[in-house]
């Protein structure tokens, strides 16, 4: 299963972006998923998680500003990013653990989408 992120781009400080992570085939479910980000010269950082029960966790720096969600009917995971800051500038990657409609388990990474926040 391939994952394709979209929704990145240039935003002003205080603005919003909504990232999408779409699977290449119909899914029975997104069991769990994470968003990560990597800024130039820095290690990849975990940002947010949605678990099998729908519970969510966030890294402290985005708590209260970002919202992770999923829509199994659309085979898509989202990251709503609000009150963006220049330090949110990075390439954002999704990582999904799920089940296809053919009942095959998978875990895949997307190729990433660039988010740039101007001050």
N, C-alpha and C. Protein backbone atom coordinates (compact mmCIF):
# COMPACT_ATOMS: atom_id res chain seq x y z
N UNK A 1 0.86 -1.18 0.00
CA UNK A 1 0.00 0.00 0.00
C UNK A 1 0.90 1.23 0.00
N UNK A 2 0.66 2.10 -0.95
CA UNK A 2 1.40 3.37 -1.00
C UNK A 2 0.57 4.47 -0.36
N UNK A 3 1.25 5.40 0.28
CA UNK A 3 0.60 6.53 0.91
C UNK A 3 1.07 7.80 0.23
N UNK A 4 0.15 8.71 -0.02
CA UNK A 4 0.49 9.98 -0.66
C UNK A 4 0.00 11.11 0.22
N UNK A 5 0.94 11.95 0.66
CA UNK A 5 0.59 13.12 1.45
C UNK A 5 0.32 14.30 0.53
N UNK A 6 -0.56 15.18 0.97
CA UNK A 6 -0.81 16.42 0.28
C UNK A 6 -1.28 17.46 1.29
N UNK A 7 -1.39 18.70 0.81
CA UNK A 7 -1.89 19.76 1.68
C UNK A 7 -0.82 20.66 2.24
N UNK A 8 0.43 20.32 1.99
CA UNK A 8 1.50 21.19 2.45
C UNK A 8 1.60 22.43 1.60
N UNK A 9 2.51 23.31 1.97
CA UNK A 9 2.71 24.54 1.21
C UNK A 9 3.24 25.63 2.10
N UNK A 10 3.05 26.87 1.65
CA UNK A 10 3.50 28.04 2.39
C UNK A 10 2.34 28.64 3.17
N UNK A 11 2.57 28.87 4.45
CA UNK A 11 1.56 29.49 5.29
C UNK A 11 2.19 30.62 6.09
N UNK A 12 1.37 31.57 6.48
CA UNK A 12 1.84 32.65 7.34
C UNK A 12 1.79 32.21 8.79
N UNK A 13 2.63 32.79 9.60
CA UNK A 13 2.59 32.51 11.04
C UNK A 13 1.19 32.80 11.56
N UNK A 14 0.65 31.85 12.32
CA UNK A 14 -0.71 31.97 12.82
C UNK A 14 -1.75 31.37 11.91
N UNK A 15 -1.34 30.94 10.74
CA UNK A 15 -2.26 30.36 9.78
C UNK A 15 -2.49 28.87 10.00
N UNK A 16 -3.19 28.26 9.05
CA UNK A 16 -3.55 26.85 9.16
C UNK A 16 -3.28 26.11 7.86
N UNK A 17 -3.01 24.84 8.00
CA UNK A 17 -2.92 23.91 6.88
C UNK A 17 -3.53 22.59 7.31
N UNK A 18 -4.10 21.86 6.36
CA UNK A 18 -4.66 20.55 6.65
C UNK A 18 -3.98 19.52 5.75
N UNK A 19 -3.16 18.68 6.35
CA UNK A 19 -2.45 17.65 5.59
C UNK A 19 -3.32 16.41 5.45
N UNK A 20 -3.22 15.76 4.30
CA UNK A 20 -3.92 14.51 4.06
C UNK A 20 -2.91 13.43 3.72
N UNK A 21 -3.23 12.21 4.08
CA UNK A 21 -2.41 11.04 3.78
C UNK A 21 -3.37 9.99 3.23
N UNK A 22 -3.34 9.79 1.91
CA UNK A 22 -4.30 8.93 1.24
C UNK A 22 -3.65 7.63 0.80
N UNK A 23 -4.33 6.51 1.06
CA UNK A 23 -3.83 5.20 0.64
C UNK A 23 -4.11 4.96 -0.83
N UNK A 24 -3.25 4.18 -1.47
CA UNK A 24 -3.37 3.92 -2.90
C UNK A 24 -4.45 2.91 -3.23
N UNK A 25 -5.00 2.23 -2.21
CA UNK A 25 -6.09 1.31 -2.44
C UNK A 25 -7.08 1.43 -1.30
N UNK A 26 -8.29 0.94 -1.53
CA UNK A 26 -9.30 1.03 -0.50
C UNK A 26 -8.88 0.20 0.71
N UNK A 27 -9.10 0.76 1.87
CA UNK A 27 -8.73 0.11 3.12
C UNK A 27 -9.95 -0.34 3.90
N UNK A 28 -9.79 -1.44 4.59
CA UNK A 28 -10.80 -1.85 5.57
C UNK A 28 -10.75 -0.89 6.75
N UNK A 29 -9.55 -0.58 7.17
CA UNK A 29 -9.39 0.40 8.23
C UNK A 29 -7.95 0.89 8.31
N UNK A 30 -7.81 2.11 8.82
CA UNK A 30 -6.53 2.61 9.31
C UNK A 30 -6.51 2.26 10.79
N UNK A 31 -5.74 1.27 11.16
CA UNK A 31 -5.74 0.79 12.54
C UNK A 31 -5.11 1.83 13.47
N UNK A 32 -3.97 2.32 13.06
CA UNK A 32 -3.29 3.37 13.82
C UNK A 32 -2.40 4.14 12.85
N UNK A 33 -2.01 5.32 13.26
CA UNK A 33 -1.17 6.12 12.37
C UNK A 33 -0.44 7.20 13.11
N UNK A 34 0.62 7.67 12.49
CA UNK A 34 1.44 8.72 13.08
C UNK A 34 1.80 9.73 11.99
N UNK A 35 2.07 10.93 12.45
CA UNK A 35 2.70 11.94 11.62
C UNK A 35 4.07 12.25 12.23
N UNK A 36 5.04 12.38 11.36
CA UNK A 36 6.39 12.77 11.74
C UNK A 36 6.78 14.00 10.92
N UNK A 37 7.84 14.67 11.34
CA UNK A 37 8.36 15.79 10.55
C UNK A 37 9.88 15.82 10.66
N UNK A 38 10.48 16.38 9.63
CA UNK A 38 11.93 16.52 9.63
C UNK A 38 12.30 17.87 9.04
N UNK A 39 12.95 18.67 9.85
CA UNK A 39 13.44 19.97 9.40
C UNK A 39 14.86 19.81 8.88
N UNK A 40 15.30 20.70 8.01
CA UNK A 40 16.66 20.61 7.47
C UNK A 40 17.72 20.56 8.58
N UNK A 41 18.60 19.58 8.49
CA UNK A 41 19.68 19.47 9.46
C UNK A 41 19.28 18.86 10.79
N UNK A 42 18.03 18.43 10.89
CA UNK A 42 17.55 17.85 12.16
C UNK A 42 17.07 16.42 11.94
N UNK A 43 16.96 15.68 13.04
CA UNK A 43 16.46 14.31 12.97
C UNK A 43 14.94 14.33 12.80
N UNK A 44 14.43 13.23 12.26
CA UNK A 44 12.97 13.11 12.13
C UNK A 44 12.35 13.09 13.52
N UNK A 45 11.27 13.82 13.68
CA UNK A 45 10.60 13.99 14.96
C UNK A 45 9.18 13.47 14.88
N UNK A 46 8.78 12.69 15.87
CA UNK A 46 7.40 12.25 15.96
C UNK A 46 6.53 13.44 16.37
N UNK A 47 5.36 13.57 15.72
CA UNK A 47 4.49 14.71 15.96
C UNK A 47 3.16 14.31 16.61
N UNK A 48 2.51 13.27 16.06
CA UNK A 48 1.18 12.93 16.54
C UNK A 48 0.87 11.47 16.23
N UNK A 49 -0.04 10.91 17.03
CA UNK A 49 -0.45 9.52 16.87
C UNK A 49 -1.95 9.41 17.07
N UNK A 50 -2.58 8.53 16.28
CA UNK A 50 -3.94 8.11 16.55
C UNK A 50 -3.91 6.60 16.69
N UNK A 51 -4.48 6.09 17.77
CA UNK A 51 -4.39 4.65 18.02
C UNK A 51 -5.65 3.93 17.56
N UNK A 52 -5.66 2.63 17.80
CA UNK A 52 -6.75 1.80 17.30
C UNK A 52 -8.10 2.22 17.89
N UNK A 53 -8.07 2.70 19.10
CA UNK A 53 -9.32 3.11 19.75
C UNK A 53 -9.73 4.53 19.45
N UNK A 54 -8.94 5.21 18.65
CA UNK A 54 -9.24 6.60 18.32
C UNK A 54 -8.59 7.61 19.24
N UNK A 55 -7.86 7.11 20.24
CA UNK A 55 -7.16 8.02 21.12
C UNK A 55 -6.01 8.69 20.40
N UNK A 56 -5.65 9.88 20.84
CA UNK A 56 -4.61 10.66 20.18
C UNK A 56 -3.56 11.14 21.18
N UNK A 57 -2.35 11.31 20.68
CA UNK A 57 -1.25 11.87 21.46
C UNK A 57 -0.47 12.82 20.57
N UNK A 58 0.15 13.80 21.22
CA UNK A 58 0.91 14.82 20.46
C UNK A 58 2.22 15.13 21.18
N UNK A 59 3.19 15.52 20.40
CA UNK A 59 4.41 16.06 21.00
C UNK A 59 4.04 17.40 21.63
N UNK A 60 4.71 17.74 22.71
CA UNK A 60 4.33 18.92 23.48
C UNK A 60 4.28 20.20 22.68
N UNK A 61 5.16 20.34 21.70
CA UNK A 61 5.26 21.59 20.95
C UNK A 61 4.06 21.86 20.04
N UNK A 62 3.25 20.84 19.78
CA UNK A 62 2.08 21.04 18.92
C UNK A 62 0.76 20.80 19.66
N UNK A 63 0.85 20.36 20.91
CA UNK A 63 -0.35 20.10 21.72
C UNK A 63 -1.25 21.32 21.74
N UNK A 64 -2.53 21.10 21.44
CA UNK A 64 -3.49 22.21 21.44
C UNK A 64 -3.56 22.96 20.12
N UNK A 65 -2.63 22.69 19.20
CA UNK A 65 -2.63 23.38 17.91
C UNK A 65 -2.92 22.43 16.75
N UNK A 66 -2.46 21.20 16.85
CA UNK A 66 -2.62 20.20 15.77
C UNK A 66 -3.65 19.16 16.18
N UNK A 67 -4.36 18.63 15.19
CA UNK A 67 -5.35 17.58 15.43
C UNK A 67 -5.16 16.48 14.39
N UNK A 68 -4.93 15.26 14.88
CA UNK A 68 -4.82 14.10 13.99
C UNK A 68 -6.16 13.40 13.94
N UNK A 69 -6.54 12.93 12.76
CA UNK A 69 -7.81 12.21 12.62
C UNK A 69 -7.71 11.24 11.45
N UNK A 70 -8.72 10.41 11.30
CA UNK A 70 -8.74 9.46 10.19
C UNK A 70 -10.18 9.30 9.71
N UNK A 71 -10.30 8.93 8.43
CA UNK A 71 -11.60 8.64 7.83
C UNK A 71 -11.43 7.33 7.08
N UNK A 72 -11.87 6.25 7.68
CA UNK A 72 -11.68 4.93 7.07
C UNK A 72 -12.43 4.82 5.74
N UNK A 73 -13.57 5.46 5.63
CA UNK A 73 -14.34 5.39 4.38
C UNK A 73 -13.58 6.01 3.22
N UNK A 74 -12.72 6.98 3.53
CA UNK A 74 -11.91 7.64 2.50
C UNK A 74 -10.47 7.14 2.49
N UNK A 75 -10.18 6.16 3.34
CA UNK A 75 -8.82 5.60 3.42
C UNK A 75 -7.78 6.70 3.59
N UNK A 76 -8.11 7.65 4.45
CA UNK A 76 -7.30 8.86 4.60
C UNK A 76 -7.08 9.21 6.07
N UNK A 77 -5.86 9.66 6.35
CA UNK A 77 -5.53 10.21 7.66
C UNK A 77 -5.19 11.68 7.48
N UNK A 78 -5.52 12.49 8.46
CA UNK A 78 -5.35 13.94 8.36
C UNK A 78 -4.50 14.48 9.51
N UNK A 79 -3.92 15.65 9.26
CA UNK A 79 -3.30 16.42 10.33
C UNK A 79 -3.72 17.88 10.12
N UNK A 80 -4.65 18.34 10.95
CA UNK A 80 -5.08 19.74 10.91
C UNK A 80 -4.09 20.54 11.75
N UNK A 81 -3.45 21.50 11.12
CA UNK A 81 -2.44 22.30 11.81
C UNK A 81 -2.92 23.74 11.92
N UNK A 82 -3.09 24.22 13.12
CA UNK A 82 -3.56 25.58 13.39
C UNK A 82 -2.48 26.36 14.13
N UNK A 83 -2.64 27.66 14.13
CA UNK A 83 -1.71 28.56 14.84
C UNK A 83 -0.27 28.21 14.50
N UNK A 84 -0.02 28.10 13.22
CA UNK A 84 1.31 27.67 12.77
C UNK A 84 2.40 28.65 13.18
N UNK A 85 3.56 28.09 13.45
CA UNK A 85 4.73 28.87 13.85
C UNK A 85 5.88 28.57 12.88
N UNK A 86 6.82 29.48 12.74
CA UNK A 86 7.97 29.22 11.85
C UNK A 86 8.70 27.93 12.21
N UNK A 87 8.72 27.59 13.49
CA UNK A 87 9.41 26.36 13.91
C UNK A 87 8.67 25.09 13.49
N UNK A 88 7.46 25.23 12.94
CA UNK A 88 6.75 24.07 12.39
C UNK A 88 7.22 23.75 10.97
N UNK A 89 8.08 24.59 10.41
CA UNK A 89 8.59 24.36 9.07
C UNK A 89 9.37 23.06 9.02
N UNK A 90 8.96 22.15 8.13
CA UNK A 90 9.57 20.83 8.02
C UNK A 90 8.89 20.07 6.89
N UNK A 91 9.45 18.94 6.57
CA UNK A 91 8.76 18.00 5.68
C UNK A 91 8.00 17.03 6.57
N UNK A 92 6.72 16.86 6.30
CA UNK A 92 5.84 16.04 7.14
C UNK A 92 5.56 14.71 6.45
N UNK A 93 5.68 13.64 7.23
CA UNK A 93 5.50 12.27 6.73
C UNK A 93 4.41 11.56 7.54
N UNK A 94 3.61 10.76 6.84
CA UNK A 94 2.65 9.92 7.54
C UNK A 94 3.16 8.48 7.56
N UNK A 95 2.76 7.78 8.59
CA UNK A 95 3.08 6.37 8.78
C UNK A 95 1.81 5.69 9.24
N UNK A 96 1.35 4.72 8.47
CA UNK A 96 0.05 4.11 8.74
C UNK A 96 0.19 2.60 8.88
N UNK A 97 -0.49 2.09 9.89
CA UNK A 97 -0.64 0.65 10.10
C UNK A 97 -2.11 0.35 9.86
N UNK A 98 -2.40 -0.52 8.89
CA UNK A 98 -3.80 -0.74 8.58
C UNK A 98 -4.09 -2.09 7.98
N UNK A 99 -5.32 -2.24 7.49
CA UNK A 99 -5.80 -3.47 6.87
C UNK A 99 -6.47 -3.09 5.55
N UNK A 100 -6.06 -3.76 4.48
CA UNK A 100 -6.69 -3.50 3.19
C UNK A 100 -8.05 -4.18 3.10
N UNK A 101 -8.82 -3.84 2.08
CA UNK A 101 -10.11 -4.50 1.86
C UNK A 101 -9.96 -5.97 1.56
N UNK A 102 -8.75 -6.40 1.20
CA UNK A 102 -8.46 -7.81 0.98
C UNK A 102 -7.95 -8.46 2.26
N UNK A 103 -8.07 -7.73 3.37
CA UNK A 103 -7.72 -8.23 4.69
C UNK A 103 -6.23 -8.54 4.82
N UNK A 104 -5.43 -7.74 4.17
CA UNK A 104 -3.98 -7.84 4.33
C UNK A 104 -3.50 -6.73 5.25
N UNK A 105 -2.65 -7.11 6.20
CA UNK A 105 -2.05 -6.13 7.09
C UNK A 105 -0.92 -5.40 6.35
N UNK A 106 -0.76 -4.13 6.66
CA UNK A 106 0.34 -3.39 6.07
C UNK A 106 0.80 -2.31 7.02
N UNK A 107 2.03 -1.83 6.80
CA UNK A 107 2.54 -0.64 7.46
C UNK A 107 3.37 0.09 6.43
N UNK A 108 3.03 1.33 6.17
CA UNK A 108 3.68 2.08 5.09
C UNK A 108 3.99 3.50 5.51
N UNK A 109 5.00 4.07 4.82
CA UNK A 109 5.36 5.47 4.97
C UNK A 109 4.99 6.22 3.69
N UNK A 110 4.61 7.46 3.85
CA UNK A 110 4.45 8.32 2.69
C UNK A 110 5.77 8.98 2.31
N UNK A 111 5.77 9.70 1.20
CA UNK A 111 6.97 10.36 0.69
C UNK A 111 7.17 11.74 1.30
N UNK A 112 6.16 12.26 1.94
CA UNK A 112 6.31 13.54 2.62
C UNK A 112 5.71 14.70 1.84
N UNK A 113 5.34 15.74 2.58
CA UNK A 113 4.86 16.99 2.00
C UNK A 113 5.51 18.14 2.77
N UNK A 114 5.97 19.13 2.04
CA UNK A 114 6.71 20.23 2.66
C UNK A 114 5.77 21.28 3.22
N UNK A 115 6.03 21.68 4.45
CA UNK A 115 5.31 22.77 5.10
C UNK A 115 6.32 23.86 5.44
N UNK A 116 6.04 25.06 4.97
CA UNK A 116 6.90 26.21 5.25
C UNK A 116 6.05 27.31 5.87
N UNK A 117 6.45 27.77 7.05
CA UNK A 117 5.70 28.81 7.75
C UNK A 117 6.56 30.07 7.79
N UNK A 118 6.03 31.13 7.19
CA UNK A 118 6.75 32.40 7.14
C UNK A 118 6.38 33.24 8.37
N UNK A 119 7.39 33.93 8.90
CA UNK A 119 7.15 34.75 10.09
C UNK A 119 6.57 36.10 9.72
